[in-house]
Amino acid sequence: MFNYPSPIKLFSGNAQRVYDLAGDLHGSVNQWNLLISSGSMTITNISRLKIIEWDDDQENAKTPDQLQSLCDLLSSIMSELEAVVTGMGKIQDQYIALARLEDFQRKGTDVPTILFNSIPTPEFSRIVEEIKNAYTEELKIKRCIAENVAHCSTREEINFYGVGWSYQTSITAIIKRKFESLLIETDQC
């Protein structure tokens, strides 16, 4: 048996919790990206089936069963995306709780506690709130696409849904920069 050293904690107390929550958020974003990729492949497969159905002059008995299977898979992906956004909300709640704890701990002083280089704890919760709100908006778009993609009647419509799934309009460059700044601030980049 090998004895491996236990992981070293970089920080302590509130700083460690802020660091851990930033890591949890990073994991959530990575999970989201994997699910988006998986959903994109599923929508591509739905598109192929629909095109085969439109191009095939004869009745294709397998198509409805295959389409239902792909729709079930997309529904499962949607459930996982919803869980990711719910997890982001819990991370935000924990940042809010940490900010309140710090307010309580520094009662009587007007100096904000800055655990890292420049961002006070309440700002972490505001950044996470903006990130969570962007992903919540994107989830609404994904839900609409998932509910309608199998009912398309033209190639243009199904292509629109495929592009809509892949291109994430709510997750803007500003949101990505705020997320990166949170990771840089906590020394996770």
C-alpha atoms as a PDB file:
ATOM      1  CA  MET A   1       0.000   0.000   0.000  1.00  0.00           C
ATOM      2  CA  PHE A   2       1.129   3.463  -0.836  1.00  0.00           C
ATOM      3  CA  ASN A   3       0.696   6.317   1.568  1.00  0.00           C
ATOM      4  CA  TYR A   4      -0.162   9.435  -0.342  1.00  0.00           C
ATOM      5  CA  PRO A   5      -0.055  12.765   1.423  1.00  0.00           C
ATOM      6  CA  SER A   6      -3.386  14.375   2.102  1.00  0.00           C
ATOM      7  CA  PRO A   7      -4.294  17.352  -0.074  1.00  0.00           C
ATOM      8  CA  ILE A   8      -2.835  20.599   1.153  1.00  0.00           C
ATOM      9  CA  LYS A   9      -5.286  23.349   1.945  1.00  0.00           C
ATOM     10  CA  LEU A  10      -4.197  26.581   0.352  1.00  0.00           C
ATOM     11  CA  PHE A  11      -6.286  28.794   2.595  1.00  0.00           C
ATOM     12  CA  SER A  12      -8.234  28.575   5.801  1.00  0.00           C
ATOM     13  CA  GLY A  13     -11.656  29.631   7.016  1.00  0.00           C
ATOM     14  CA  ASN A  14     -13.720  31.839   4.753  1.00  0.00           C
ATOM     15  CA  ALA A  15     -10.997  32.094   2.130  1.00  0.00           C
ATOM     16  CA  GLN A  16     -10.924  28.301   1.773  1.00  0.00           C
ATOM     17  CA  ARG A  17     -14.709  28.243   1.388  1.00  0.00           C
ATOM     18  CA  VAL A  18     -14.606  30.961  -1.292  1.00  0.00           C
ATOM     19  CA  TYR A  19     -11.888  28.993  -3.086  1.00  0.00           C
ATOM     20  CA  ASP A  20     -13.868  25.727  -2.875  1.00  0.00           C
ATOM     21  CA  LEU A  21     -17.058  27.364  -4.144  1.00  0.00           C
ATOM     22  CA  ALA A  22     -15.199  28.851  -7.116  1.00  0.00           C
ATOM     23  CA  GLY A  23     -13.978  25.338  -7.887  1.00  0.00           C
ATOM     24  CA  ASP A  24     -17.547  24.040  -7.619  1.00  0.00           C
ATOM     25  CA  LEU A  25     -18.716  26.729 -10.042  1.00  0.00           C
ATOM     26  CA  HIS A  26     -15.929  25.803 -12.439  1.00  0.00           C
ATOM     27  CA  GLY A  27     -17.083  22.183 -12.269  1.00  0.00           C
ATOM     28  CA  SER A  28     -20.665  23.269 -12.960  1.00  0.00           C
ATOM     29  CA  VAL A  29     -19.634  25.249 -16.040  1.00  0.00           C
ATOM     30  CA  ASN A  30     -17.603  22.300 -17.325  1.00  0.00           C
ATOM     31  CA  GLN A  31     -20.574  19.973 -16.761  1.00  0.00           C
ATOM     32  CA  TRP A  32     -22.817  22.425 -18.638  1.00  0.00           C
ATOM     33  CA  ASN A  33     -20.414  22.493 -21.594  1.00  0.00           C
ATOM     34  CA  LEU A  34     -20.304  18.689 -21.768  1.00  0.00           C
ATOM     35  CA  LEU A  35     -24.105  18.514 -21.702  1.00  0.00           C
ATOM     36  CA  ILE A  36     -24.388  21.169 -24.432  1.00  0.00           C
ATOM     37  CA  SER A  37     -22.021  19.126 -26.588  1.00  0.00           C
ATOM     38  CA  SER A  38     -24.014  15.961 -25.958  1.00  0.00           C
ATOM     39  CA  GLY A  39     -27.272  17.793 -26.703  1.00  0.00           C
ATOM     40  CA  SER A  40     -25.822  19.144 -29.919  1.00  0.00           C
ATOM     41  CA  MET A  41     -25.011  15.619 -31.085  1.00  0.00           C
ATOM     42  CA  THR A  42     -28.517  14.484 -30.148  1.00  0.00           C
ATOM     43  CA  ILE A  43     -30.121  17.349 -32.078  1.00  0.00           C
ATOM     44  CA  THR A  44     -27.929  16.506 -35.076  1.00  0.00           C
ATOM     45  CA  ASN A  45     -29.195  12.927 -34.914  1.00  0.00           C
ATOM     46  CA  ILE A  46     -32.801  14.147 -34.646  1.00  0.00           C
ATOM     47  CA  SER A  47     -32.155  16.348 -37.692  1.00  0.00           C
ATOM     48  CA  ARG A  48     -30.847  13.397 -39.671  1.00  0.00           C
ATOM     49  CA  LEU A  49     -33.869  11.288 -38.792  1.00  0.00           C
ATOM     50  CA  LYS A  50     -36.261  14.069 -39.730  1.00  0.00           C
ATOM     51  CA  ILE A  51     -34.507  14.586 -43.082  1.00  0.00           C
ATOM     52  CA  ILE A  52     -34.642  10.849 -43.778  1.00  0.00           C
ATOM     53  CA  GLU A  53     -38.335  10.922 -42.928  1.00  0.00           C
ATOM     54  CA  TRP A  54     -38.927  13.845 -45.309  1.00  0.00           C
ATOM     55  CA  ASP A  55     -36.847  12.370 -48.137  1.00  0.00           C
ATOM     56  CA  ASP A  56     -38.189   8.831 -47.830  1.00  0.00           C
ATOM     57  CA  ASP A  57     -41.210   8.266 -50.039  1.00  0.00           C
ATOM     58  CA  GLN A  58     -42.098   5.060 -48.220  1.00  0.00           C
ATOM     59  CA  GLU A  59     -43.152   4.659 -44.615  1.00  0.00           C
ATOM     60  CA  ASN A  60     -40.093   4.130 -42.434  1.00  0.00           C
ATOM     61  CA  ALA A  61     -41.268   2.133 -39.422  1.00  0.00           C
ATOM     62  CA  LYS A  62     -38.053   2.630 -37.416  1.00  0.00           C
ATOM     63  CA  THR A  63     -38.042   6.425 -37.552  1.00  0.00           C
ATOM     64  CA  PRO A  64     -40.734   7.125 -34.888  1.00  0.00           C
ATOM     65  CA  ASP A  65     -39.114   4.753 -32.382  1.00  0.00           C
ATOM     66  CA  GLN A  66     -35.657   6.181 -33.018  1.00  0.00           C
ATOM     67  CA  LEU A  67     -37.004   9.715 -32.825  1.00  0.00           C
ATOM     68  CA  GLN A  68     -38.696   8.987 -29.502  1.00  0.00           C
ATOM     69  CA  SER A  69     -35.469   7.513 -28.159  1.00  0.00           C
ATOM     70  CA  LEU A  70     -33.522  10.631 -29.156  1.00  0.00           C
ATOM     71  CA  CYS A  71     -36.198  12.893 -27.669  1.00  0.00           C
ATOM     72  CA  ASP A  72     -35.980  10.943 -24.404  1.00  0.00           C
ATOM     73  CA  LEU A  73     -32.201  11.387 -24.439  1.00  0.00           C
ATOM     74  CA  LEU A  74     -32.611  15.139 -25.033  1.00  0.00           C
ATOM     75  CA  SER A  75     -35.106  15.289 -22.169  1.00  0.00           C
ATOM     76  CA  SER A  76     -32.559  13.599 -19.916  1.00  0.00           C
ATOM     77  CA  ILE A  77     -29.924  16.128 -20.964  1.00  0.00           C
ATOM     78  CA  MET A  78     -32.361  18.937 -20.149  1.00  0.00           C
ATOM     79  CA  SER A  79     -32.895  17.500 -16.655  1.00  0.00           C
ATOM     80  CA  GLU A  80     -29.146  17.497 -16.109  1.00  0.00           C
ATOM     81  CA  LEU A  81     -28.832  21.080 -17.387  1.00  0.00           C
ATOM     82  CA  GLU A  82     -31.549  22.121 -14.928  1.00  0.00           C
ATOM     83  CA  ALA A  83     -29.605  20.412 -12.124  1.00  0.00           C
ATOM     84  CA  VAL A  84     -26.460  22.340 -13.096  1.00  0.00           C
ATOM     85  CA  VAL A  85     -28.302  25.673 -12.901  1.00  0.00           C
ATOM     86  CA  THR A  86     -29.870  24.658  -9.575  1.00  0.00           C
ATOM     87  CA  GLY A  87     -26.367  23.870  -8.291  1.00  0.00           C
ATOM     88  CA  MET A  88     -25.193  27.317  -9.381  1.00  0.00           C
ATOM     89  CA  GLY A  89     -28.030  28.797  -7.324  1.00  0.00           C
ATOM     90  CA  LYS A  90     -26.836  26.862  -4.280  1.00  0.00           C
ATOM     91  CA  ILE A  91     -23.291  28.130  -4.815  1.00  0.00           C
ATOM     92  CA  GLN A  92     -24.643  31.684  -4.971  1.00  0.00           C
ATOM     93  CA  ASP A  93     -26.583  31.102  -1.730  1.00  0.00           C
ATOM     94  CA  GLN A  94     -23.384  29.954  -0.018  1.00  0.00           C
ATOM     95  CA  TYR A  95     -21.511  33.055  -1.183  1.00  0.00           C
ATOM     96  CA  ILE A  96     -24.332  35.209   0.204  1.00  0.00           C
ATOM     97  CA  ALA A  97     -24.088  33.338   3.512  1.00  0.00           C
ATOM     98  CA  LEU A  98     -20.314  33.886   3.602  1.00  0.00           C
ATOM     99  CA  ALA A  99     -20.786  37.606   2.969  1.00  0.00           C
ATOM    100  CA  ARG A 100     -23.269  37.791   5.850  1.00  0.00           C
ATOM    101  CA  LEU A 101     -20.892  35.864   8.092  1.00  0.00           C
ATOM    102  CA  GLU A 102     -18.104  38.317   7.287  1.00  0.00           C
ATOM    103  CA  ASP A 103     -20.427  41.248   8.004  1.00  0.00           C
ATOM    104  CA  PHE A 104     -21.149  39.718  11.374  1.00  0.00           C
ATOM    105  CA  GLN A 105     -17.469  38.983  12.065  1.00  0.00           C
ATOM    106  CA  ARG A 106     -16.340  42.531  11.292  1.00  0.00           C
ATOM    107  CA  LYS A 107     -19.169  44.281  13.100  1.00  0.00           C
ATOM    108  CA  GLY A 108     -18.009  47.657  14.289  1.00  0.00           C
ATOM    109  CA  THR A 109     -15.434  48.198  11.546  1.00  0.00           C
ATOM    110  CA  ASP A 110     -15.947  49.827   8.167  1.00  0.00           C
ATOM    111  CA  VAL A 111     -13.104  48.011   6.423  1.00  0.00           C
ATOM    112  CA  PRO A 112     -14.302  45.388   3.932  1.00  0.00           C
ATOM    113  CA  THR A 113     -12.670  41.995   4.196  1.00  0.00           C
ATOM    114  CA  ILE A 114     -10.738  41.123   1.059  1.00  0.00           C
ATOM    115  CA  LEU A 115      -9.725  37.485   1.185  1.00  0.00           C
ATOM    116  CA  PHE A 116      -7.870  37.427  -2.108  1.00  0.00           C
ATOM    117  CA  ASN A 117      -6.284  40.117  -4.283  1.00  0.00           C
ATOM    118  CA  SER A 118      -9.070  42.594  -4.899  1.00  0.00           C
ATOM    119  CA  ILE A 119     -12.592  41.156  -4.727  1.00  0.00           C
ATOM    120  CA  PRO A 120     -14.513  41.351  -1.448  1.00  0.00           C
ATOM    121  CA  THR A 121     -16.782  38.382  -0.649  1.00  0.00           C
ATOM    122  CA  PRO A 122     -20.066  40.193  -1.449  1.00  0.00           C
ATOM    123  CA  GLU A 123     -18.726  40.842  -4.941  1.00  0.00           C
ATOM    124  CA  PHE A 124     -18.177  37.098  -5.418  1.00  0.00           C
ATOM    125  CA  SER A 125     -21.882  36.544  -4.756  1.00  0.00           C
ATOM    126  CA  ARG A 126     -22.825  39.280  -7.266  1.00  0.00           C
ATOM    127  CA  ILE A 127     -20.585  37.744  -9.931  1.00  0.00           C
ATOM    128  CA  VAL A 128     -22.015  34.280  -9.328  1.00  0.00           C
ATOM    129  CA  GLU A 129     -25.540  35.719  -9.464  1.00  0.00           C
ATOM    130  CA  GLU A 130     -24.842  37.233 -12.896  1.00  0.00           C
ATOM    131  CA  ILE A 131     -23.364  33.957 -14.106  1.00  0.00           C
ATOM    132  CA  LYS A 132     -26.302  31.950 -12.753  1.00  0.00           C
ATOM    133  CA  ASN A 133     -28.808  34.359 -14.322  1.00  0.00           C
ATOM    134  CA  ALA A 134     -27.114  34.018 -17.725  1.00  0.00           C
ATOM    135  CA  TYR A 135     -27.217  30.236 -17.511  1.00  0.00           C
ATOM    136  CA  THR A 136     -30.853  30.376 -16.364  1.00  0.00           C
ATOM    137  CA  GLU A 137     -31.754  32.420 -19.443  1.00  0.00           C
ATOM    138  CA  GLU A 138     -29.827  30.008 -21.642  1.00  0.00           C
ATOM    139  CA  LEU A 139     -31.659  27.096 -20.017  1.00  0.00           C
ATOM    140  CA  LYS A 140     -34.992  28.645 -21.064  1.00  0.00           C
ATOM    141  CA  ILE A 141     -33.796  28.747 -24.669  1.00  0.00           C
ATOM    142  CA  LYS A 142     -32.567  25.157 -24.502  1.00  0.00           C
ATOM    143  CA  ARG A 143     -35.903  24.034 -23.051  1.00  0.00           C
ATOM    144  CA  CYS A 144     -37.781  25.669 -25.935  1.00  0.00           C
ATOM    145  CA  ILE A 145     -35.484  24.013 -28.473  1.00  0.00           C
ATOM    146  CA  ALA A 146     -35.801  20.601 -26.809  1.00  0.00           C
ATOM    147  CA  GLU A 147     -39.597  20.848 -26.784  1.00  0.00           C
ATOM    148  CA  ASN A 148     -39.867  21.820 -30.459  1.00  0.00           C
ATOM    149  CA  VAL A 149     -36.996  20.277 -32.403  1.00  0.00           C
ATOM    150  CA  ALA A 150     -38.793  16.987 -33.145  1.00  0.00           C
ATOM    151  CA  HIS A 151     -41.829  18.858 -34.524  1.00  0.00           C
ATOM    152  CA  CYS A 152     -39.985  20.722 -37.274  1.00  0.00           C
ATOM    153  CA  SER A 153     -41.440  20.578 -40.752  1.00  0.00           C
ATOM    154  CA  THR A 154     -38.655  22.198 -42.813  1.00  0.00           C
ATOM    155  CA  ARG A 155     -34.897  21.916 -43.084  1.00  0.00           C
ATOM    156  CA  GLU A 156     -34.493  25.608 -42.313  1.00  0.00           C
ATOM    157  CA  GLU A 157     -36.442  25.246 -39.094  1.00  0.00           C
ATOM    158  CA  ILE A 158     -34.452  22.239 -37.896  1.00  0.00           C
ATOM    159  CA  ASN A 159     -31.182  23.964 -38.834  1.00  0.00           C
ATOM    160  CA  PHE A 160     -32.306  26.998 -36.841  1.00  0.00           C
ATOM    161  CA  TYR A 161     -32.828  24.835 -33.739  1.00  0.00           C
ATOM    162  CA  GLY A 162     -29.454  23.144 -34.202  1.00  0.00           C
ATOM    163  CA  VAL A 163     -27.645  26.468 -34.412  1.00  0.00           C
ATOM    164  CA  GLY A 164     -29.734  27.845 -31.535  1.00  0.00           C
ATOM    165  CA  TRP A 165     -28.622  24.983 -29.320  1.00  0.00           C
ATOM    166  CA  SER A 166     -24.929  25.391 -30.087  1.00  0.00           C
ATOM    167  CA  TYR A 167     -24.738  29.186 -30.094  1.00  0.00           C
ATOM    168  CA  GLN A 168     -25.302  30.335 -26.513  1.00  0.00           C
ATOM    169  CA  THR A 169     -26.516  33.916 -26.773  1.00  0.00           C
ATOM    170  CA  SER A 170     -27.094  34.463 -23.042  1.00  0.00           C
ATOM    171  CA  ILE A 171     -23.577  33.451 -22.084  1.00  0.00           C
ATOM    172  CA  THR A 172     -21.899  36.569 -23.386  1.00  0.00           C
ATOM    173  CA  ALA A 173     -18.234  37.502 -23.490  1.00  0.00           C
ATOM    174  CA  ILE A 174     -18.814  39.671 -20.411  1.00  0.00           C
ATOM    175  CA  ILE A 175     -20.190  36.699 -18.457  1.00  0.00           C
ATOM    176  CA  LYS A 176     -17.228  34.579 -19.571  1.00  0.00           C
ATOM    177  CA  ARG A 177     -14.801  37.310 -18.465  1.00  0.00           C
ATOM    178  CA  LYS A 178     -16.476  37.603 -15.070  1.00  0.00           C
ATOM    179  CA  PHE A 179     -16.237  33.856 -14.635  1.00  0.00           C
ATOM    180  CA  GLU A 180     -12.561  33.905 -15.635  1.00  0.00           C
ATOM    181  CA  SER A 181     -11.885  36.793 -13.246  1.00  0.00           C
ATOM    182  CA  LEU A 182     -13.442  34.801 -10.417  1.00  0.00           C
ATOM    183  CA  LEU A 183     -11.161  31.860 -11.233  1.00  0.00           C
ATOM    184  CA  ILE A 184      -8.093  34.096 -11.558  1.00  0.00           C
ATOM    185  CA  GLU A 185      -8.908  35.860  -8.297  1.00  0.00           C
ATOM    186  CA  THR A 186      -9.068  32.528  -6.473  1.00  0.00           C
ATOM    187  CA  ASP A 187      -5.908  31.330  -8.242  1.00  0.00           C
ATOM    188  CA  GLN A 188      -7.643  28.509 -10.127  1.00  0.00           C
ATOM    189  CA  CYS A 189      -6.451  29.457 -13.616  1.00  0.00           C
END
